[in-house]
């Protein structure tokens, strides 16, 4: 199994606490509204803390996330994706760090596309929050 780590930073026009709450805890309500053509439904099994499972039903597949770490004070939220259509045939699981199957290699194009998707998700949520100032 190979291991690949990528990082990205993104400047957002909403308060960190608001964005953190929307993406970590209210994603079931926010994501389908922020990205209606991409996220059809989102559901959570558990209380949102470690061990909880989040299912995203996408327009063309699904993603199952297992919550690993929640630290609200420091805005830390770690999860593992180990099931879903986003894993393709080269990934075994994804937790910010990619774990490839066998000797599979990830291309720079793949990593760039995933960072762009993550950026688009965040931007869509920020845009939703800016357009809905009563959220909170």
N, C-alpha and C. Protein backbone atom coordinates (compact mmCIF):
# COMPACT_ATOMS: atom_id res chain seq x y z
N UNK A 1 0.84 -1.17 0.00
CA UNK A 1 0.00 0.00 0.00
C UNK A 1 0.89 1.23 0.00
N UNK A 2 0.57 2.18 -0.88
CA UNK A 2 1.28 3.44 -0.91
C UNK A 2 0.55 4.48 -0.08
N UNK A 3 1.27 5.51 0.34
CA UNK A 3 0.67 6.60 1.13
C UNK A 3 1.07 7.92 0.49
N UNK A 4 0.08 8.76 0.19
CA UNK A 4 0.31 10.06 -0.43
C UNK A 4 -0.43 11.11 0.40
N UNK A 5 0.25 12.19 0.76
CA UNK A 5 -0.37 13.25 1.54
C UNK A 5 -0.39 14.53 0.73
N UNK A 6 -1.51 15.23 0.75
CA UNK A 6 -1.60 16.54 0.12
C UNK A 6 -2.20 17.51 1.14
N UNK A 7 -1.93 18.77 0.94
CA UNK A 7 -2.49 19.81 1.79
C UNK A 7 -2.99 20.94 0.92
N UNK A 8 -3.94 21.69 1.45
CA UNK A 8 -4.42 22.88 0.76
C UNK A 8 -4.89 23.88 1.78
N UNK A 9 -4.84 25.13 1.43
CA UNK A 9 -5.37 26.21 2.27
C UNK A 9 -6.37 26.97 1.44
N UNK A 10 -7.39 27.49 2.12
CA UNK A 10 -8.42 28.22 1.41
C UNK A 10 -8.91 29.36 2.31
N UNK A 11 -8.89 30.56 1.78
CA UNK A 11 -9.39 31.72 2.51
C UNK A 11 -10.90 31.76 2.34
N UNK A 12 -11.61 31.95 3.45
CA UNK A 12 -13.07 31.96 3.41
C UNK A 12 -13.61 33.24 4.03
N UNK A 13 -14.74 33.70 3.51
CA UNK A 13 -15.33 34.96 3.95
C UNK A 13 -16.34 34.79 5.08
N UNK A 14 -16.34 33.65 5.76
CA UNK A 14 -17.22 33.45 6.91
C UNK A 14 -16.35 33.09 8.12
N UNK A 15 -16.91 33.28 9.28
CA UNK A 15 -16.18 32.99 10.51
C UNK A 15 -15.84 31.50 10.59
N UNK A 16 -14.65 31.17 11.08
CA UNK A 16 -14.25 29.76 11.19
C UNK A 16 -15.27 28.91 11.95
N UNK A 17 -15.83 29.44 13.04
CA UNK A 17 -16.79 28.66 13.82
C UNK A 17 -18.04 28.33 13.01
N UNK A 18 -18.48 29.27 12.20
CA UNK A 18 -19.68 29.07 11.37
C UNK A 18 -19.42 28.02 10.30
N UNK A 19 -18.29 28.14 9.61
CA UNK A 19 -17.95 27.17 8.57
C UNK A 19 -17.74 25.78 9.16
N UNK A 20 -17.06 25.71 10.28
CA UNK A 20 -16.81 24.43 10.95
C UNK A 20 -18.13 23.76 11.32
N UNK A 21 -19.04 24.51 11.93
CA UNK A 21 -20.34 23.96 12.32
C UNK A 21 -21.11 23.46 11.10
N UNK A 22 -21.11 24.25 10.04
CA UNK A 22 -21.85 23.87 8.83
C UNK A 22 -21.30 22.61 8.21
N UNK A 23 -19.97 22.50 8.13
CA UNK A 23 -19.37 21.36 7.43
C UNK A 23 -19.23 20.13 8.31
N UNK A 24 -19.04 20.32 9.62
CA UNK A 24 -18.84 19.17 10.49
C UNK A 24 -20.15 18.64 11.06
N UNK A 25 -21.06 19.52 11.42
CA UNK A 25 -22.25 19.07 12.14
C UNK A 25 -23.56 19.23 11.39
N UNK A 26 -23.68 20.25 10.56
CA UNK A 26 -24.94 20.50 9.85
C UNK A 26 -24.87 20.12 8.39
N UNK A 27 -23.90 19.30 8.03
CA UNK A 27 -23.70 18.99 6.62
C UNK A 27 -24.93 18.36 6.00
N UNK A 28 -25.72 17.63 6.77
CA UNK A 28 -26.91 16.97 6.24
C UNK A 28 -27.95 17.94 5.74
N UNK A 29 -27.99 19.12 6.33
CA UNK A 29 -28.91 20.17 5.89
C UNK A 29 -28.25 21.10 4.88
N UNK A 30 -26.98 21.40 5.10
CA UNK A 30 -26.30 22.43 4.31
C UNK A 30 -25.86 21.93 2.93
N UNK A 31 -25.20 20.78 2.86
CA UNK A 31 -24.64 20.34 1.57
C UNK A 31 -25.69 20.16 0.47
N UNK A 32 -26.84 19.52 0.72
CA UNK A 32 -27.82 19.41 -0.37
C UNK A 32 -28.34 20.77 -0.84
N UNK A 33 -28.37 21.75 0.04
CA UNK A 33 -28.81 23.09 -0.35
C UNK A 33 -27.68 23.85 -1.05
N UNK A 34 -26.46 23.66 -0.59
CA UNK A 34 -25.31 24.37 -1.16
C UNK A 34 -24.91 23.80 -2.52
N UNK A 35 -25.10 22.50 -2.70
CA UNK A 35 -24.68 21.82 -3.94
C UNK A 35 -25.79 20.88 -4.42
N UNK A 36 -26.97 21.40 -4.75
CA UNK A 36 -28.11 20.54 -5.08
C UNK A 36 -27.92 19.67 -6.32
N UNK A 37 -27.07 20.08 -7.23
CA UNK A 37 -26.83 19.26 -8.42
C UNK A 37 -25.80 18.17 -8.19
N UNK A 38 -25.11 18.23 -7.05
CA UNK A 38 -24.06 17.26 -6.76
C UNK A 38 -24.41 16.37 -5.57
N UNK A 39 -24.90 16.96 -4.49
CA UNK A 39 -25.26 16.21 -3.29
C UNK A 39 -26.78 16.11 -3.23
N UNK A 40 -27.28 14.90 -3.37
CA UNK A 40 -28.73 14.68 -3.35
C UNK A 40 -29.26 14.57 -1.93
N UNK A 41 -28.51 13.89 -1.08
CA UNK A 41 -28.96 13.68 0.29
C UNK A 41 -27.75 13.42 1.16
N UNK A 42 -27.85 13.81 2.41
CA UNK A 42 -26.79 13.54 3.37
C UNK A 42 -27.45 13.10 4.67
N UNK A 43 -26.89 12.07 5.28
CA UNK A 43 -27.48 11.57 6.52
C UNK A 43 -26.37 11.18 7.48
N UNK A 44 -26.71 11.18 8.76
CA UNK A 44 -25.73 10.82 9.78
C UNK A 44 -26.29 9.72 10.66
N UNK A 45 -25.42 8.80 11.00
CA UNK A 45 -25.76 7.73 11.94
C UNK A 45 -24.88 7.97 13.16
N UNK A 46 -25.48 8.34 14.26
CA UNK A 46 -24.74 8.68 15.47
C UNK A 46 -24.96 10.13 15.84
N UNK A 47 -24.16 10.60 16.80
CA UNK A 47 -24.33 11.96 17.31
C UNK A 47 -23.42 12.98 16.64
N UNK A 48 -22.66 12.56 15.65
CA UNK A 48 -21.73 13.45 14.95
C UNK A 48 -20.32 13.40 15.49
N UNK A 49 -20.15 12.74 16.63
CA UNK A 49 -18.83 12.62 17.22
C UNK A 49 -18.08 11.42 16.67
N UNK A 50 -16.90 11.15 17.22
CA UNK A 50 -16.10 10.00 16.77
C UNK A 50 -16.93 8.71 16.77
N UNK A 51 -16.78 7.95 15.70
CA UNK A 51 -17.54 6.72 15.53
C UNK A 51 -18.80 6.90 14.72
N UNK A 52 -19.27 8.13 14.57
CA UNK A 52 -20.46 8.37 13.75
C UNK A 52 -20.15 8.11 12.29
N UNK A 53 -21.18 7.81 11.53
CA UNK A 53 -21.04 7.55 10.10
C UNK A 53 -21.88 8.57 9.35
N UNK A 54 -21.28 9.17 8.33
CA UNK A 54 -21.98 10.12 7.48
C UNK A 54 -22.05 9.54 6.07
N UNK A 55 -23.25 9.54 5.52
CA UNK A 55 -23.45 9.06 4.16
C UNK A 55 -23.85 10.22 3.27
N UNK A 56 -23.12 10.41 2.20
CA UNK A 56 -23.46 11.41 1.19
C UNK A 56 -23.95 10.67 -0.03
N UNK A 57 -25.18 10.92 -0.43
CA UNK A 57 -25.72 10.35 -1.66
C UNK A 57 -25.54 11.41 -2.73
N UNK A 58 -24.68 11.11 -3.69
CA UNK A 58 -24.32 12.06 -4.73
C UNK A 58 -25.13 11.82 -5.99
N UNK A 59 -25.07 12.75 -6.91
CA UNK A 59 -25.77 12.60 -8.18
C UNK A 59 -25.28 11.38 -8.93
N UNK A 60 -24.00 11.05 -8.77
CA UNK A 60 -23.44 9.92 -9.53
C UNK A 60 -22.71 8.92 -8.63
N UNK A 61 -23.16 8.75 -7.41
CA UNK A 61 -22.53 7.78 -6.53
C UNK A 61 -22.80 8.09 -5.07
N UNK A 62 -21.88 7.66 -4.23
CA UNK A 62 -22.05 7.90 -2.80
C UNK A 62 -20.69 7.91 -2.11
N UNK A 63 -20.67 8.43 -0.90
CA UNK A 63 -19.47 8.45 -0.06
C UNK A 63 -19.91 8.11 1.36
N UNK A 64 -19.17 7.24 1.99
CA UNK A 64 -19.42 6.91 3.39
C UNK A 64 -18.21 7.37 4.19
N UNK A 65 -18.45 8.27 5.15
CA UNK A 65 -17.38 8.82 5.99
C UNK A 65 -17.55 8.31 7.42
N UNK A 66 -16.44 7.93 8.04
CA UNK A 66 -16.45 7.58 9.46
C UNK A 66 -15.72 8.69 10.20
N UNK A 67 -16.40 9.28 11.17
CA UNK A 67 -15.80 10.37 11.94
C UNK A 67 -14.77 9.79 12.91
N UNK A 68 -13.55 10.32 12.84
CA UNK A 68 -12.46 9.83 13.68
C UNK A 68 -12.17 10.76 14.86
N UNK A 69 -12.06 12.05 14.59
CA UNK A 69 -11.67 13.02 15.61
C UNK A 69 -12.51 14.28 15.46
N UNK A 70 -13.01 14.79 16.57
CA UNK A 70 -13.72 16.06 16.60
C UNK A 70 -13.14 16.88 17.75
N UNK A 71 -12.61 18.05 17.42
CA UNK A 71 -12.08 18.98 18.43
C UNK A 71 -12.64 20.35 18.09
N UNK A 72 -13.81 20.66 18.66
CA UNK A 72 -14.50 21.90 18.33
C UNK A 72 -13.70 23.14 18.71
N UNK A 73 -12.95 23.07 19.78
CA UNK A 73 -12.19 24.22 20.25
C UNK A 73 -11.13 24.65 19.23
N UNK A 74 -10.52 23.68 18.56
CA UNK A 74 -9.47 23.96 17.58
C UNK A 74 -9.92 23.77 16.14
N UNK A 75 -11.21 23.56 15.93
CA UNK A 75 -11.78 23.36 14.59
C UNK A 75 -11.13 22.19 13.86
N UNK A 76 -10.90 21.12 14.58
CA UNK A 76 -10.31 19.92 13.99
C UNK A 76 -11.42 18.91 13.76
N UNK A 77 -11.43 18.35 12.57
CA UNK A 77 -12.44 17.36 12.20
C UNK A 77 -11.79 16.38 11.24
N UNK A 78 -11.55 15.17 11.70
CA UNK A 78 -10.92 14.15 10.86
C UNK A 78 -11.93 13.05 10.59
N UNK A 79 -11.94 12.60 9.37
CA UNK A 79 -12.81 11.48 9.01
C UNK A 79 -12.08 10.59 8.02
N UNK A 80 -12.57 9.37 7.92
CA UNK A 80 -12.01 8.40 6.99
C UNK A 80 -13.08 8.03 5.97
N UNK A 81 -12.72 8.04 4.71
CA UNK A 81 -13.58 7.53 3.65
C UNK A 81 -13.04 6.17 3.27
N UNK A 82 -13.80 5.13 3.55
CA UNK A 82 -13.34 3.79 3.17
C UNK A 82 -14.38 3.04 2.34
N UNK A 83 -15.39 3.77 1.92
CA UNK A 83 -16.41 3.16 1.07
C UNK A 83 -17.03 4.26 0.22
N UNK A 84 -17.28 3.94 -1.04
CA UNK A 84 -17.95 4.89 -1.90
C UNK A 84 -17.36 4.97 -3.28
N UNK A 85 -18.12 5.58 -4.15
CA UNK A 85 -17.72 5.66 -5.55
C UNK A 85 -16.52 6.56 -5.78
N UNK A 86 -16.18 7.43 -4.85
CA UNK A 86 -15.03 8.32 -5.03
C UNK A 86 -13.69 7.61 -4.88
N UNK A 87 -13.69 6.41 -4.32
CA UNK A 87 -12.42 5.71 -4.10
C UNK A 87 -11.83 5.12 -5.36
N UNK A 88 -12.65 4.91 -6.36
CA UNK A 88 -12.19 4.33 -7.62
C UNK A 88 -11.50 3.00 -7.37
N UNK A 89 -10.64 2.58 -8.25
CA UNK A 89 -9.95 1.30 -8.08
C UNK A 89 -8.55 1.43 -7.50
N UNK A 90 -8.08 2.65 -7.33
CA UNK A 90 -6.71 2.83 -6.85
C UNK A 90 -6.62 3.11 -5.36
N UNK A 91 -7.73 3.52 -4.75
CA UNK A 91 -7.68 3.89 -3.33
C UNK A 91 -8.37 2.86 -2.46
N UNK A 92 -7.76 2.58 -1.34
CA UNK A 92 -8.34 1.69 -0.35
C UNK A 92 -9.13 2.49 0.67
N UNK A 93 -8.57 3.62 1.09
CA UNK A 93 -9.26 4.54 1.97
C UNK A 93 -8.62 5.91 1.84
N UNK A 94 -9.29 6.93 2.34
CA UNK A 94 -8.78 8.29 2.23
C UNK A 94 -9.07 9.02 3.53
N UNK A 95 -8.07 9.62 4.13
CA UNK A 95 -8.24 10.39 5.37
C UNK A 95 -7.44 11.67 5.29
N UNK A 96 -7.49 12.41 4.29
CA UNK A 96 -6.61 13.54 3.98
C UNK A 96 -5.35 12.97 3.36
N UNK A 97 -4.88 11.89 3.92
CA UNK A 97 -3.78 11.14 3.34
C UNK A 97 -4.41 10.03 2.52
N UNK A 98 -3.92 9.82 1.31
CA UNK A 98 -4.45 8.77 0.45
C UNK A 98 -3.67 7.49 0.66
N UNK A 99 -4.37 6.37 0.80
CA UNK A 99 -3.75 5.05 0.94
C UNK A 99 -4.12 4.26 -0.31
N UNK A 100 -3.15 3.99 -1.16
CA UNK A 100 -3.43 3.32 -2.42
C UNK A 100 -3.45 1.81 -2.27
N UNK A 101 -4.12 1.17 -3.20
CA UNK A 101 -4.15 -0.29 -3.23
C UNK A 101 -2.87 -0.80 -3.88
N UNK A 102 -2.24 -1.74 -3.22
CA UNK A 102 -1.03 -2.33 -3.78
C UNK A 102 0.00 -1.29 -4.15
N UNK A 103 0.53 -1.39 -5.36
CA UNK A 103 1.55 -0.45 -5.84
C UNK A 103 0.97 0.67 -6.70
N UNK A 104 -0.35 0.86 -6.63
CA UNK A 104 -0.99 1.88 -7.45
C UNK A 104 -0.39 3.25 -7.17
N UNK A 105 -0.23 4.03 -8.21
CA UNK A 105 0.33 5.38 -8.10
C UNK A 105 -0.77 6.40 -8.38
N UNK A 106 -0.74 7.50 -7.69
CA UNK A 106 -1.68 8.59 -7.93
C UNK A 106 -0.98 9.65 -8.76
N UNK A 107 -1.64 10.09 -9.80
CA UNK A 107 -1.05 11.11 -10.66
C UNK A 107 -1.25 12.50 -10.05
N UNK A 108 -0.44 13.43 -10.47
CA UNK A 108 -0.60 14.81 -10.04
C UNK A 108 -1.95 15.35 -10.49
N UNK A 109 -2.42 14.90 -11.65
CA UNK A 109 -3.72 15.33 -12.15
C UNK A 109 -4.83 14.88 -11.20
N UNK A 110 -4.74 13.64 -10.71
CA UNK A 110 -5.72 13.11 -9.78
C UNK A 110 -5.72 13.93 -8.49
N UNK A 111 -4.54 14.19 -7.94
CA UNK A 111 -4.43 14.95 -6.69
C UNK A 111 -4.95 16.37 -6.88
N UNK A 112 -4.62 16.97 -8.01
CA UNK A 112 -5.09 18.32 -8.30
C UNK A 112 -6.61 18.35 -8.41
N UNK A 113 -7.18 17.37 -9.10
CA UNK A 113 -8.64 17.31 -9.26
C UNK A 113 -9.33 17.14 -7.91
N UNK A 114 -8.78 16.32 -7.04
CA UNK A 114 -9.39 16.13 -5.73
C UNK A 114 -9.28 17.38 -4.87
N UNK A 115 -8.16 18.08 -4.96
CA UNK A 115 -8.04 19.35 -4.23
C UNK A 115 -9.03 20.38 -4.77
N UNK A 116 -9.22 20.39 -6.09
CA UNK A 116 -10.17 21.32 -6.69
C UNK A 116 -11.60 20.99 -6.26
N UNK A 117 -11.92 19.70 -6.17
CA UNK A 117 -13.25 19.29 -5.72
C UNK A 117 -13.48 19.72 -4.27
N UNK A 118 -12.48 19.51 -3.44
CA UNK A 118 -12.58 19.92 -2.04
C UNK A 118 -12.75 21.43 -1.92
N UNK A 119 -12.00 22.16 -2.72
CA UNK A 119 -12.12 23.62 -2.73
C UNK A 119 -13.52 24.04 -3.17
N UNK A 120 -14.06 23.37 -4.19
CA UNK A 120 -15.40 23.68 -4.69
C UNK A 120 -16.46 23.40 -3.63
N UNK A 121 -16.31 22.29 -2.90
CA UNK A 121 -17.24 21.98 -1.81
C UNK A 121 -17.24 23.11 -0.79
N UNK A 122 -16.05 23.51 -0.36
CA UNK A 122 -15.94 24.56 0.65
C UNK A 122 -16.52 25.87 0.13
N UNK A 123 -16.21 26.22 -1.12
CA UNK A 123 -16.72 27.46 -1.70
C UNK A 123 -18.24 27.44 -1.76
N UNK A 124 -18.82 26.31 -2.14
CA UNK A 124 -20.28 26.20 -2.22
C UNK A 124 -20.91 26.40 -0.85
N UNK A 125 -20.31 25.82 0.17
CA UNK A 125 -20.84 25.99 1.53
C UNK A 125 -20.69 27.44 1.98
N UNK A 126 -19.54 28.04 1.72
CA UNK A 126 -19.33 29.46 2.07
C UNK A 126 -20.36 30.33 1.36
N UNK A 127 -20.56 30.11 0.07
CA UNK A 127 -21.55 30.89 -0.69
C UNK A 127 -22.94 30.72 -0.10
N UNK A 128 -23.28 29.49 0.27
CA UNK A 128 -24.58 29.23 0.90
C UNK A 128 -24.71 30.02 2.21
N UNK A 129 -23.67 29.97 3.03
CA UNK A 129 -23.70 30.66 4.31
C UNK A 129 -23.80 32.17 4.13
N UNK A 130 -23.07 32.71 3.16
CA UNK A 130 -23.15 34.15 2.89
C UNK A 130 -24.54 34.55 2.40
N UNK A 131 -25.18 33.67 1.65
CA UNK A 131 -26.52 33.94 1.15
C UNK A 131 -27.63 33.67 2.16
N UNK A 132 -27.27 33.07 3.27
CA UNK A 132 -28.23 32.75 4.33
C UNK A 132 -27.68 33.23 5.67
N UNK A 133 -27.65 34.54 5.86
CA UNK A 133 -27.02 35.09 7.07
C UNK A 133 -27.69 34.68 8.38
N UNK A 134 -28.90 34.15 8.33
CA UNK A 134 -29.58 33.70 9.55
C UNK A 134 -29.15 32.30 9.97
N UNK A 135 -28.31 31.65 9.15
CA UNK A 135 -27.82 30.32 9.53
C UNK A 135 -27.05 30.44 10.84
N UNK A 136 -27.24 29.50 11.70
CA UNK A 136 -26.49 29.35 12.94
C UNK A 136 -27.34 28.83 13.98
